[in-house]
Amino acid sequence: MKTILIGFGDIAEKHLDVLKELNCDVIGILTKNYDKALIKSKKFSIPNTYTSIQEILNAECDFLMNLTSADKISSTLMDIIPSGKPIFTEKPAGFSTEEIEQLIGHNNKFNCPIMVGTNRRFYSIFHKAIEFLSDQNKSINTIKIDAPERFVNINNSKFNDRIRKNWMFANSIHSVDLIRFFGGDVKKIKSDSIPNEFKFQATGICENDIEFCYSSNWNESKIWNITILADDIKIVFEPLEKGKIITKNDEIEIIPSAEDIHFKPGFFSQLSYFLENVVTKNDTTWPGSNLEDHKKSIKLVEDIFKK
């Protein structure tokens, strides 16, 4: 299969590693900086370097990858949807539910299959934890997520003002989206956030009466962590890439898959899932995320952060 990369930041190289493993040919690059694109194409032996969206709309490839910066993802999607080709896009697809709705309305004219990158949904340790609970005939009853942000990261010079002002969409959505991954759609939510103090907290209930608590204090220096409770079983991910199952009598480390050890966690399974849907022309369903599903996570960010 053949693809074209639109945007080539730090994360693009992580995707390239997986694409190579999956025998996908990257036939071209399009970036806002043509000279940079030439350097990258030479470094990674990519044959074509494009200068405009128009050049790639009719290019002979099987799918497109939108790897632009967070503030450019939505506008780039608007431009490439008319290609009609399947699109894998990094998140967030927009900085508001209104932006996502505009994309959905635009795409109704073209029926373009779009999958939003939610690589944490594809962490092997998360799926092994879910499988363990299923084997024990246990169901999740509580989800606790602690996702502190750090101003030292937010104020990194590589991020522009628009990304900084929308950090909850550009970055916090990584953790917020996991509420819905583990618990399903949110039925009820109460936000106790204090935005002017950069303290964000919400509690609520997901499908099947699964309770959740989300906390994000931007003045803390802790690491992201998730605790899953299922009767007398507790599963802890701290950091998110490491997991352990705690029972009354034992503590079991969850071992990641070989792919999650070799590649950036979740990337291999995520792209494998996307490519399978490209071949079979199937819709994106759980654990993947399409625009309609992604809008629900964007709405959840708005509810928690009172955006």
C-alpha atoms as a PDB file:
ATOM      1  CA  MET A   1       0.000   0.000   0.000  1.00  0.00           C
ATOM      2  CA  LYS A   2       1.076   3.570  -0.663  1.00  0.00           C
ATOM      3  CA  THR A   3       0.626   6.740   1.359  1.00  0.00           C
ATOM      4  CA  ILE A   4       1.586  10.412   1.485  1.00  0.00           C
ATOM      5  CA  LEU A   5       2.538  12.197   4.707  1.00  0.00           C
ATOM      6  CA  ILE A   6       1.160  15.693   5.230  1.00  0.00           C
ATOM      7  CA  GLY A   7       3.274  17.343   7.907  1.00  0.00           C
ATOM      8  CA  PHE A   8       6.533  15.966   9.204  1.00  0.00           C
ATOM      9  CA  GLY A   9       7.118  16.786  12.873  1.00  0.00           C
ATOM     10  CA  ASP A  10       8.733  14.628  15.540  1.00  0.00           C
ATOM     11  CA  ILE A  11       5.880  12.113  15.577  1.00  0.00           C
ATOM     12  CA  ALA A  12       6.164  11.401  11.842  1.00  0.00           C
ATOM     13  CA  GLU A  13       9.323   9.358  12.294  1.00  0.00           C
ATOM     14  CA  LYS A  14       7.507   7.130  14.807  1.00  0.00           C
ATOM     15  CA  HIS A  15       4.826   6.481  12.208  1.00  0.00           C
ATOM     16  CA  LEU A  16       7.466   5.842   9.543  1.00  0.00           C
ATOM     17  CA  ASP A  17       8.962   3.027  11.627  1.00  0.00           C
ATOM     18  CA  VAL A  18       5.589   1.284  11.762  1.00  0.00           C
ATOM     19  CA  LEU A  19       4.715   1.931   8.124  1.00  0.00           C
ATOM     20  CA  LYS A  20       7.974   0.293   7.097  1.00  0.00           C
ATOM     21  CA  GLU A  21       7.248  -2.734   9.271  1.00  0.00           C
ATOM     22  CA  LEU A  22       3.785  -3.009   7.719  1.00  0.00           C
ATOM     23  CA  ASN A  23       5.250  -2.861   4.186  1.00  0.00           C
ATOM     24  CA  CYS A  24       3.632   0.488   3.352  1.00  0.00           C
ATOM     25  CA  ASP A  25       5.436   2.721   0.891  1.00  0.00           C
ATOM     26  CA  VAL A  26       5.606   6.414   1.707  1.00  0.00           C
ATOM     27  CA  ILE A  27       5.657   7.929  -1.781  1.00  0.00           C
ATOM     28  CA  GLY A  28       5.685  11.590  -0.813  1.00  0.00           C
ATOM     29  CA  ILE A  29       5.818  14.371   1.769  1.00  0.00           C
ATOM     30  CA  LEU A  30       3.995  17.691   1.936  1.00  0.00           C
ATOM     31  CA  THR A  31       5.018  20.243   4.580  1.00  0.00           C
ATOM     32  CA  LYS A  32       4.688  24.007   4.944  1.00  0.00           C
ATOM     33  CA  ASN A  33       8.481  24.225   4.622  1.00  0.00           C
ATOM     34  CA  TYR A  34       9.515  22.826   1.232  1.00  0.00           C
ATOM     35  CA  ASP A  35      13.233  22.870   2.049  1.00  0.00           C
ATOM     36  CA  LYS A  36      12.585  20.820   5.176  1.00  0.00           C
ATOM     37  CA  ALA A  37      10.543  18.375   3.113  1.00  0.00           C
ATOM     38  CA  LEU A  38      13.451  17.958   0.696  1.00  0.00           C
ATOM     39  CA  ILE A  39      15.814  17.185   3.579  1.00  0.00           C
ATOM     40  CA  LYS A  40      13.398  14.648   5.084  1.00  0.00           C
ATOM     41  CA  SER A  41      12.646  12.991   1.751  1.00  0.00           C
ATOM     42  CA  LYS A  42      16.350  12.536   1.120  1.00  0.00           C
ATOM     43  CA  LYS A  43      17.013  11.230   4.637  1.00  0.00           C
ATOM     44  CA  PHE A  44      14.208   8.654   4.474  1.00  0.00           C
ATOM     45  CA  SER A  45      14.434   7.856   0.742  1.00  0.00           C
ATOM     46  CA  ILE A  46      10.974   9.191  -0.038  1.00  0.00           C
ATOM     47  CA  PRO A  47      10.670   9.799  -3.802  1.00  0.00           C
ATOM     48  CA  ASN A  48       8.299  12.781  -4.009  1.00  0.00           C
ATOM     49  CA  THR A  49       8.144  16.184  -2.338  1.00  0.00           C
ATOM     50  CA  TYR A  50       4.968  18.183  -2.926  1.00  0.00           C
ATOM     51  CA  THR A  51       4.371  21.925  -2.789  1.00  0.00           C
ATOM     52  CA  SER A  52       0.583  22.087  -2.401  1.00  0.00           C
ATOM     53  CA  ILE A  53      -2.507  20.152  -1.321  1.00  0.00           C
ATOM     54  CA  GLN A  54      -3.772  20.261  -4.887  1.00  0.00           C
ATOM     55  CA  GLU A  55      -0.817  18.143  -6.014  1.00  0.00           C
ATOM     56  CA  ILE A  56      -1.751  15.264  -3.741  1.00  0.00           C
ATOM     57  CA  LEU A  57      -5.536  15.232  -4.180  1.00  0.00           C
ATOM     58  CA  ASN A  58      -5.253  13.109  -7.301  1.00  0.00           C
ATOM     59  CA  ALA A  59      -2.009  11.335  -6.449  1.00  0.00           C
ATOM     60  CA  GLU A  60      -1.939   7.575  -6.875  1.00  0.00           C
ATOM     61  CA  CYS A  61      -1.905   6.375  -3.298  1.00  0.00           C
ATOM     62  CA  ASP A  62      -4.158   4.269  -1.080  1.00  0.00           C
ATOM     63  CA  PHE A  63      -4.529   6.631   1.880  1.00  0.00           C
ATOM     64  CA  LEU A  64      -3.313   9.923   3.331  1.00  0.00           C
ATOM     65  CA  MET A  65      -1.778  10.656   6.730  1.00  0.00           C
ATOM     66  CA  ASN A  66      -2.433  14.038   8.327  1.00  0.00           C
ATOM     67  CA  LEU A  67       0.467  14.572  10.738  1.00  0.00           C
ATOM     68  CA  THR A  68       0.325  18.357  10.911  1.00  0.00           C
ATOM     69  CA  SER A  69       0.599  20.303  14.174  1.00  0.00           C
ATOM     70  CA  ALA A  70      -2.452  20.411  16.455  1.00  0.00           C
ATOM     71  CA  ASP A  71      -3.506  23.877  15.299  1.00  0.00           C
ATOM     72  CA  LYS A  72      -3.397  22.874  11.614  1.00  0.00           C
ATOM     73  CA  ILE A  73      -5.102  19.469  11.737  1.00  0.00           C
ATOM     74  CA  SER A  74      -8.669  20.712  11.228  1.00  0.00           C
ATOM     75  CA  SER A  75      -7.910  23.044   8.309  1.00  0.00           C
ATOM     76  CA  THR A  76      -5.749  20.388   6.639  1.00  0.00           C
ATOM     77  CA  LEU A  77      -8.574  17.861   6.921  1.00  0.00           C
ATOM     78  CA  MET A  78     -10.942  20.328   5.258  1.00  0.00           C
ATOM     79  CA  ASP A  79      -8.462  20.587   2.376  1.00  0.00           C
ATOM     80  CA  ILE A  80      -7.797  16.872   1.855  1.00  0.00           C
ATOM     81  CA  ILE A  81     -11.258  15.402   2.447  1.00  0.00           C
ATOM     82  CA  PRO A  82     -12.194  16.105  -1.222  1.00  0.00           C
ATOM     83  CA  SER A  83      -9.593  13.507  -2.235  1.00  0.00           C
ATOM     84  CA  GLY A  84     -12.086  10.840  -1.162  1.00  0.00           C
ATOM     85  CA  LYS A  85      -9.180   8.711   0.064  1.00  0.00           C
ATOM     86  CA  PRO A  86      -9.097   7.113   3.520  1.00  0.00           C
ATOM     87  CA  ILE A  87      -7.373   9.441   5.989  1.00  0.00           C
ATOM     88  CA  PHE A  88      -5.479   8.723   9.165  1.00  0.00           C
ATOM     89  CA  THR A  89      -5.214  11.929  11.155  1.00  0.00           C
ATOM     90  CA  GLU A  90      -3.469  12.825  14.360  1.00  0.00           C
ATOM     91  CA  LYS A  91      -5.595  14.351  17.094  1.00  0.00           C
ATOM     92  CA  PRO A  92      -7.240  16.611  17.907  1.00  0.00           C
ATOM     93  CA  ALA A  93      -9.294  17.032  14.762  1.00  0.00           C
ATOM     94  CA  GLY A  94     -10.382  20.407  16.124  1.00  0.00           C
ATOM     95  CA  PHE A  95     -10.359  22.704  19.143  1.00  0.00           C
ATOM     96  CA  SER A  96     -14.142  22.618  19.645  1.00  0.00           C
ATOM     97  CA  THR A  97     -17.176  20.494  18.900  1.00  0.00           C
ATOM     98  CA  GLU A  98     -18.175  23.170  16.374  1.00  0.00           C
ATOM     99  CA  GLU A  99     -14.977  22.538  14.390  1.00  0.00           C
ATOM    100  CA  ILE A 100     -15.645  18.793  14.391  1.00  0.00           C
ATOM    101  CA  GLU A 101     -19.232  19.345  13.265  1.00  0.00           C
ATOM    102  CA  GLN A 102     -17.977  21.464  10.362  1.00  0.00           C
ATOM    103  CA  LEU A 103     -15.657  18.632   9.331  1.00  0.00           C
ATOM    104  CA  ILE A 104     -18.477  16.096   9.566  1.00  0.00           C
ATOM    105  CA  GLY A 105     -20.750  18.317   7.468  1.00  0.00           C
ATOM    106  CA  HIS A 106     -18.008  18.857   4.888  1.00  0.00           C
ATOM    107  CA  ASN A 107     -17.277  15.140   4.729  1.00  0.00           C
ATOM    108  CA  ASN A 108     -20.922  14.283   4.137  1.00  0.00           C
ATOM    109  CA  LYS A 109     -20.328  15.433   0.550  1.00  0.00           C
ATOM    110  CA  PHE A 110     -17.377  13.110   0.006  1.00  0.00           C
ATOM    111  CA  ASN A 111     -17.871  10.087   2.295  1.00  0.00           C
ATOM    112  CA  CYS A 112     -14.181   9.998   3.105  1.00  0.00           C
ATOM    113  CA  PRO A 113     -13.231   7.313   5.706  1.00  0.00           C
ATOM    114  CA  ILE A 114     -11.408   9.131   8.528  1.00  0.00           C
ATOM    115  CA  MET A 115      -9.771   7.618  11.587  1.00  0.00           C
ATOM    116  CA  VAL A 116      -8.482   9.864  14.363  1.00  0.00           C
ATOM    117  CA  GLY A 117      -5.247   8.667  15.981  1.00  0.00           C
ATOM    118  CA  THR A 118      -5.942   7.549  19.551  1.00  0.00           C
ATOM    119  CA  ASN A 119      -2.856   5.431  20.129  1.00  0.00           C
ATOM    120  CA  ARG A 120      -3.436   5.016  23.866  1.00  0.00           C
ATOM    121  CA  ARG A 121      -6.642   3.128  23.095  1.00  0.00           C
ATOM    122  CA  PHE A 122      -4.382   0.579  21.417  1.00  0.00           C
ATOM    123  CA  TYR A 123      -1.966   0.048  24.317  1.00  0.00           C
ATOM    124  CA  SER A 124      -1.540  -3.701  24.637  1.00  0.00           C
ATOM    125  CA  ILE A 125      -1.443  -3.480  28.439  1.00  0.00           C
ATOM    126  CA  PHE A 126      -4.884  -1.818  28.468  1.00  0.00           C
ATOM    127  CA  HIS A 127      -6.353  -4.615  26.371  1.00  0.00           C
ATOM    128  CA  LYS A 128      -4.649  -7.281  28.469  1.00  0.00           C
ATOM    129  CA  ALA A 129      -6.170  -5.717  31.585  1.00  0.00           C
ATOM    130  CA  ILE A 130      -9.643  -5.763  30.011  1.00  0.00           C
ATOM    131  CA  GLU A 131      -9.133  -9.394  28.950  1.00  0.00           C
ATOM    132  CA  PHE A 132      -8.032 -10.306  32.488  1.00  0.00           C
ATOM    133  CA  LEU A 133     -11.208  -8.847  33.971  1.00  0.00           C
ATOM    134  CA  SER A 134     -13.312 -10.657  31.366  1.00  0.00           C
ATOM    135  CA  ASP A 135     -11.614 -13.967  32.234  1.00  0.00           C
ATOM    136  CA  GLN A 136     -12.434 -13.329  35.901  1.00  0.00           C
ATOM    137  CA  ASN A 137     -16.031 -12.426  35.050  1.00  0.00           C
ATOM    138  CA  LYS A 138     -15.451  -8.981  36.502  1.00  0.00           C
ATOM    139  CA  SER A 139     -16.670  -5.629  35.237  1.00  0.00           C
ATOM    140  CA  ILE A 140     -15.154  -2.205  35.749  1.00  0.00           C
ATOM    141  CA  ASN A 141     -17.105  -0.144  38.263  1.00  0.00           C
ATOM    142  CA  THR A 142     -14.776   2.842  38.815  1.00  0.00           C
ATOM    143  CA  ILE A 143     -12.224   4.753  36.730  1.00  0.00           C
ATOM    144  CA  LYS A 144      -9.843   7.220  38.349  1.00  0.00           C
ATOM    145  CA  ILE A 145      -7.598   9.348  36.137  1.00  0.00           C
ATOM    146  CA  ASP A 146      -4.985  11.778  37.402  1.00  0.00           C
ATOM    147  CA  ALA A 147      -3.459  13.767  34.540  1.00  0.00           C
ATOM    148  CA  PRO A 148      -1.435  16.748  35.769  1.00  0.00           C
ATOM    149  CA  GLU A 149      -0.023  19.022  33.113  1.00  0.00           C
ATOM    150  CA  ARG A 150       3.215  20.971  33.446  1.00  0.00           C
ATOM    151  CA  PHE A 151       3.648  24.581  32.441  1.00  0.00           C
ATOM    152  CA  VAL A 152       7.230  23.805  31.455  1.00  0.00           C
ATOM    153  CA  ASN A 153       5.789  21.581  28.711  1.00  0.00           C
ATOM    154  CA  ILE A 154       2.964  23.918  27.734  1.00  0.00           C
ATOM    155  CA  ASN A 155       5.313  26.888  27.367  1.00  0.00           C
ATOM    156  CA  ASN A 156       7.813  25.037  25.204  1.00  0.00           C
ATOM    157  CA  SER A 157       8.950  27.405  22.461  1.00  0.00           C
ATOM    158  CA  LYS A 158       7.950  24.959  19.726  1.00  0.00           C
ATOM    159  CA  PHE A 159       4.255  25.523  20.555  1.00  0.00           C
ATOM    160  CA  ASN A 160       2.494  28.644  19.285  1.00  0.00           C
ATOM    161  CA  ASP A 161      -0.012  30.710  21.267  1.00  0.00           C
ATOM    162  CA  ARG A 162      -3.055  28.985  19.760  1.00  0.00           C
ATOM    163  CA  ILE A 163      -1.832  25.571  20.888  1.00  0.00           C
ATOM    164  CA  ARG A 164      -0.987  26.874  24.364  1.00  0.00           C
ATOM    165  CA  LYS A 165      -4.442  28.419  24.743  1.00  0.00           C
ATOM    166  CA  ASN A 166      -6.055  25.141  23.657  1.00  0.00           C
ATOM    167  CA  TRP A 167      -3.715  22.797  25.520  1.00  0.00           C
ATOM    168  CA  MET A 168      -6.606  20.781  26.904  1.00  0.00           C
ATOM    169  CA  PHE A 169      -7.533  19.825  23.327  1.00  0.00           C
ATOM    170  CA  ALA A 170      -3.986  19.581  22.004  1.00  0.00           C
ATOM    171  CA  ASN A 171      -2.700  17.374  24.837  1.00  0.00           C
ATOM    172  CA  SER A 172      -5.101  16.686  27.728  1.00  0.00           C
ATOM    173  CA  ILE A 173      -7.482  14.911  25.345  1.00  0.00           C
ATOM    174  CA  HIS A 174      -5.022  11.991  25.395  1.00  0.00           C
ATOM    175  CA  SER A 175      -6.125  11.216  28.950  1.00  0.00           C
ATOM    176  CA  VAL A 176      -9.725  12.477  28.764  1.00  0.00           C
ATOM    177  CA  ASP A 177     -10.423  10.139  25.849  1.00  0.00           C
ATOM    178  CA  LEU A 178      -9.536   7.164  28.058  1.00  0.00           C
ATOM    179  CA  ILE A 179     -12.637   7.794  30.181  1.00  0.00           C
ATOM    180  CA  ARG A 180     -14.701   6.754  27.188  1.00  0.00           C
ATOM    181  CA  PHE A 181     -12.282   3.995  26.179  1.00  0.00           C
ATOM    182  CA  PHE A 182     -12.676   2.206  29.515  1.00  0.00           C
ATOM    183  CA  GLY A 183     -16.162   3.342  30.478  1.00  0.00           C
ATOM    184  CA  GLY A 184     -18.090   4.021  27.300  1.00  0.00           C
ATOM    185  CA  ASP A 185     -20.086   7.152  26.562  1.00  0.00           C
ATOM    186  CA  VAL A 186     -20.624   9.547  29.450  1.00  0.00           C
ATOM    187  CA  LYS A 187     -24.229   9.773  30.682  1.00  0.00           C
ATOM    188  CA  LYS A 188     -23.721  12.288  33.490  1.00  0.00           C
ATOM    189  CA  ILE A 189     -20.924  14.674  34.432  1.00  0.00           C
ATOM    190  CA  LYS A 190     -20.288  17.299  37.096  1.00  0.00           C
ATOM    191  CA  SER A 191     -17.297  19.607  36.737  1.00  0.00           C
ATOM    192  CA  ASP A 192     -15.726  21.212  39.813  1.00  0.00           C
ATOM    193  CA  SER A 193     -12.953  22.848  37.820  1.00  0.00           C
ATOM    194  CA  ILE A 194     -11.393  26.182  38.814  1.00  0.00           C
ATOM    195  CA  PRO A 195      -9.928  27.386  35.494  1.00  0.00           C
ATOM    196  CA  ASN A 196      -8.299  30.544  36.843  1.00  0.00           C
ATOM    197  CA  GLU A 197      -6.303  28.366  39.260  1.00  0.00           C
ATOM    198  CA  PHE A 198      -5.578  25.730  36.576  1.00  0.00           C
ATOM    199  CA  LYS A 199      -7.294  23.058  38.644  1.00  0.00           C
ATOM    200  CA  PHE A 200      -9.628  20.806  36.701  1.00  0.00           C
ATOM    201  CA  GLN A 201     -11.750  18.039  38.167  1.00  0.00           C
ATOM    202  CA  ALA A 202     -14.885  16.207  37.155  1.00  0.00           C
ATOM    203  CA  THR A 203     -16.896  13.228  38.283  1.00  0.00           C
ATOM    204  CA  GLY A 204     -19.552  11.368  36.396  1.00  0.00           C
ATOM    205  CA  ILE A 205     -21.171   8.165  35.244  1.00  0.00           C
ATOM    206  CA  CYS A 206     -20.531   6.267  32.021  1.00  0.00           C
ATOM    207  CA  GLU A 207     -22.501   3.501  30.380  1.00  0.00           C
ATOM    208  CA  ASN A 208     -23.332   0.501  32.556  1.00  0.00           C
ATOM    209  CA  ASP A 209     -23.163   2.821  35.605  1.00  0.00           C
ATOM    210  CA  ILE A 210     -19.362   2.964  35.600  1.00  0.00           C
ATOM    211  CA  GLU A 211     -18.275   5.886  37.773  1.00  0.00           C
ATOM    212  CA  PHE A 212     -15.304   8.054  36.881  1.00  0.00           C
ATOM    213  CA  CYS A 213     -13.210  10.748  38.506  1.00  0.00           C
ATOM    214  CA  TYR A 214     -10.869  12.918  36.433  1.00  0.00           C
ATOM    215  CA  SER A 215      -8.332  15.288  37.954  1.00  0.00           C
ATOM    216  CA  SER A 216      -5.779  17.578  36.290  1.00  0.00           C
ATOM    217  CA  ASN A 217      -3.849  20.092  38.381  1.00  0.00           C
ATOM    218  CA  TRP A 218      -1.490  22.079  36.169  1.00  0.00           C
ATOM    219  CA  ASN A 219       0.646  23.121  39.144  1.00  0.00           C
ATOM    220  CA  GLU A 220       1.658  19.569  40.055  1.00  0.00           C
ATOM    221  CA  SER A 221       4.688  17.650  38.818  1.00  0.00           C
ATOM    222  CA  LYS A 222       3.321  14.101  39.084  1.00  0.00           C
ATOM    223  CA  ILE A 223       2.936  11.719  36.155  1.00  0.00           C
ATOM    224  CA  TRP A 224      -0.299  10.637  34.494  1.00  0.00           C
ATOM    225  CA  ASN A 225      -1.874   7.591  36.094  1.00  0.00           C
ATOM    226  CA  ILE A 226      -5.062   5.566  35.887  1.00  0.00           C
ATOM    227  CA  THR A 227      -6.662   3.283  38.466  1.00  0.00           C
ATOM    228  CA  ILE A 228      -9.348   0.813  37.422  1.00  0.00           C
ATOM    229  CA  LEU A 229     -11.512  -0.822  40.103  1.00  0.00           C
ATOM    230  CA  ALA A 230     -13.535  -3.979  39.586  1.00  0.00           C
ATOM    231  CA  ASP A 231     -14.877  -5.381  42.873  1.00  0.00           C
ATOM    232  CA  ASP A 232     -11.815  -6.738  44.714  1.00  0.00           C
ATOM    233  CA  ILE A 233      -9.424  -6.184  41.796  1.00  0.00           C
ATOM    234  CA  LYS A 234      -7.447  -2.988  41.287  1.00  0.00           C
ATOM    235  CA  ILE A 235      -5.464  -2.251  38.124  1.00  0.00           C
ATOM    236  CA  VAL A 236      -2.964   0.588  38.157  1.00  0.00           C
ATOM    237  CA  PHE A 237      -1.217   2.242  35.205  1.00  0.00           C
ATOM    238  CA  GLU A 238       1.531   4.591  36.410  1.00  0.00           C
ATOM    239  CA  PRO A 239       2.858   5.821  34.066  1.00  0.00           C
ATOM    240  CA  LEU A 240       0.269   4.855  31.471  1.00  0.00           C
ATOM    241  CA  GLU A 241       2.777   2.621  29.668  1.00  0.00           C
ATOM    242  CA  LYS A 242       3.191   0.344  32.707  1.00  0.00           C
ATOM    243  CA  GLY A 243       0.505  -1.675  34.419  1.00  0.00           C
ATOM    244  CA  LYS A 244      -0.050  -3.997  37.361  1.00  0.00           C
ATOM    245  CA  ILE A 245      -3.016  -6.031  38.527  1.00  0.00           C
ATOM    246  CA  ILE A 246      -3.535  -6.089  42.287  1.00  0.00           C
ATOM    247  CA  THR A 247      -5.735  -8.755  43.856  1.00  0.00           C
ATOM    248  CA  LYS A 248      -6.194  -9.893  47.450  1.00  0.00           C
ATOM    249  CA  ASN A 249      -3.405 -12.415  47.132  1.00  0.00           C
ATOM    250  CA  ASP A 250      -1.173 -11.256  44.334  1.00  0.00           C
ATOM    251  CA  GLU A 251       0.332  -8.429  42.310  1.00  0.00           C
ATOM    252  CA  ILE A 252       0.836  -9.148  38.624  1.00  0.00           C
ATOM    253  CA  GLU A 253       2.840  -7.019  36.219  1.00  0.00           C
ATOM    254  CA  ILE A 254       1.201  -6.549  32.819  1.00  0.00           C
ATOM    255  CA  ILE A 255       3.776  -7.179  30.103  1.00  0.00           C
ATOM    256  CA  PRO A 256       3.419  -5.053  26.943  1.00  0.00           C
ATOM    257  CA  SER A 257       3.361  -6.711  23.534  1.00  0.00           C
ATOM    258  CA  ALA A 258       6.602  -7.018  21.578  1.00  0.00           C
ATOM    259  CA  GLU A 259       5.323  -4.322  19.203  1.00  0.00           C
ATOM    260  CA  ASP A 260       4.672  -1.882  22.052  1.00  0.00           C
ATOM    261  CA  ILE A 261       8.188  -2.473  23.322  1.00  0.00           C
ATOM    262  CA  HIS A 262       9.791  -2.014  19.908  1.00  0.00           C
ATOM    263  CA  PHE A 263       7.665   0.872  18.598  1.00  0.00           C
ATOM    264  CA  LYS A 264       5.989   3.836  20.262  1.00  0.00           C
ATOM    265  CA  PRO A 265       3.242   2.154  22.351  1.00  0.00           C
ATOM    266  CA  GLY A 266      -0.036   1.703  20.530  1.00  0.00           C
ATOM    267  CA  PHE A 267       1.300   2.821  17.154  1.00  0.00           C
ATOM    268  CA  PHE A 268       1.678  -0.620  15.585  1.00  0.00           C
ATOM    269  CA  SER A 269      -1.795  -1.887  16.558  1.00  0.00           C
ATOM    270  CA  GLN A 270      -3.352   1.462  15.678  1.00  0.00           C
ATOM    271  CA  LEU A 271      -2.002   1.540  12.118  1.00  0.00           C
ATOM    272  CA  SER A 272      -2.614  -2.185  11.660  1.00  0.00           C
ATOM    273  CA  TYR A 273      -6.259  -1.614  12.554  1.00  0.00           C
ATOM    274  CA  PHE A 274      -6.510   1.384  10.208  1.00  0.00           C
ATOM    275  CA  LEU A 275      -4.921  -0.462   7.277  1.00  0.00           C
ATOM    276  CA  GLU A 276      -7.206  -3.440   7.759  1.00  0.00           C
ATOM    277  CA  ASN A 277     -10.186  -1.102   7.492  1.00  0.00           C
ATOM    278  CA  VAL A 278      -8.712   0.492   4.364  1.00  0.00           C
ATOM    279  CA  VAL A 279      -8.423  -2.926   2.723  1.00  0.00           C
ATOM    280  CA  THR A 280     -11.813  -4.248   3.868  1.00  0.00           C
ATOM    281  CA  LYS A 281     -13.570  -0.858   3.593  1.00  0.00           C
ATOM    282  CA  ASN A 282     -14.996  -1.338   7.077  1.00  0.00           C
ATOM    283  CA  ASP A 283     -16.082   1.531   9.309  1.00  0.00           C
ATOM    284  CA  THR A 284     -13.959   2.642  12.230  1.00  0.00           C
ATOM    285  CA  THR A 285     -15.371   1.240  15.474  1.00  0.00           C
ATOM    286  CA  TRP A 286     -14.032   0.733  19.008  1.00  0.00           C
ATOM    287  CA  PRO A 287     -11.164   0.855  19.852  1.00  0.00           C
ATOM    288  CA  GLY A 288     -10.680   3.164  16.866  1.00  0.00           C
ATOM    289  CA  SER A 289     -12.235   6.622  16.695  1.00  0.00           C
ATOM    290  CA  ASN A 290     -13.954   8.304  13.739  1.00  0.00           C
ATOM    291  CA  LEU A 291     -15.084  11.940  13.636  1.00  0.00           C
ATOM    292  CA  GLU A 292     -18.463  11.257  15.268  1.00  0.00           C
ATOM    293  CA  ASP A 293     -16.794   9.368  18.105  1.00  0.00           C
ATOM    294  CA  HIS A 294     -14.024  11.950  18.406  1.00  0.00           C
ATOM    295  CA  LYS A 295     -16.611  14.711  18.801  1.00  0.00           C
ATOM    296  CA  LYS A 296     -17.819  13.023  21.995  1.00  0.00           C
ATOM    297  CA  SER A 297     -14.315  13.187  23.480  1.00  0.00           C
ATOM    298  CA  ILE A 298     -13.953  16.830  22.406  1.00  0.00           C
ATOM    299  CA  LYS A 299     -17.294  17.559  24.133  1.00  0.00           C
ATOM    300  CA  LEU A 300     -16.005  15.826  27.257  1.00  0.00           C
ATOM    301  CA  VAL A 301     -12.941  18.089  27.243  1.00  0.00           C
ATOM    302  CA  GLU A 302     -15.240  21.099  26.980  1.00  0.00           C
ATOM    303  CA  ASP A 303     -17.354  19.850  29.898  1.00  0.00           C
ATOM    304  CA  ILE A 304     -14.365  19.172  32.173  1.00  0.00           C
ATOM    305  CA  PHE A 305     -12.316  22.235  31.367  1.00  0.00           C
ATOM    306  CA  LYS A 306     -15.355  24.546  31.017  1.00  0.00           C
ATOM    307  CA  LYS A 307     -14.050  25.683  27.642  1.00  0.00           C
END
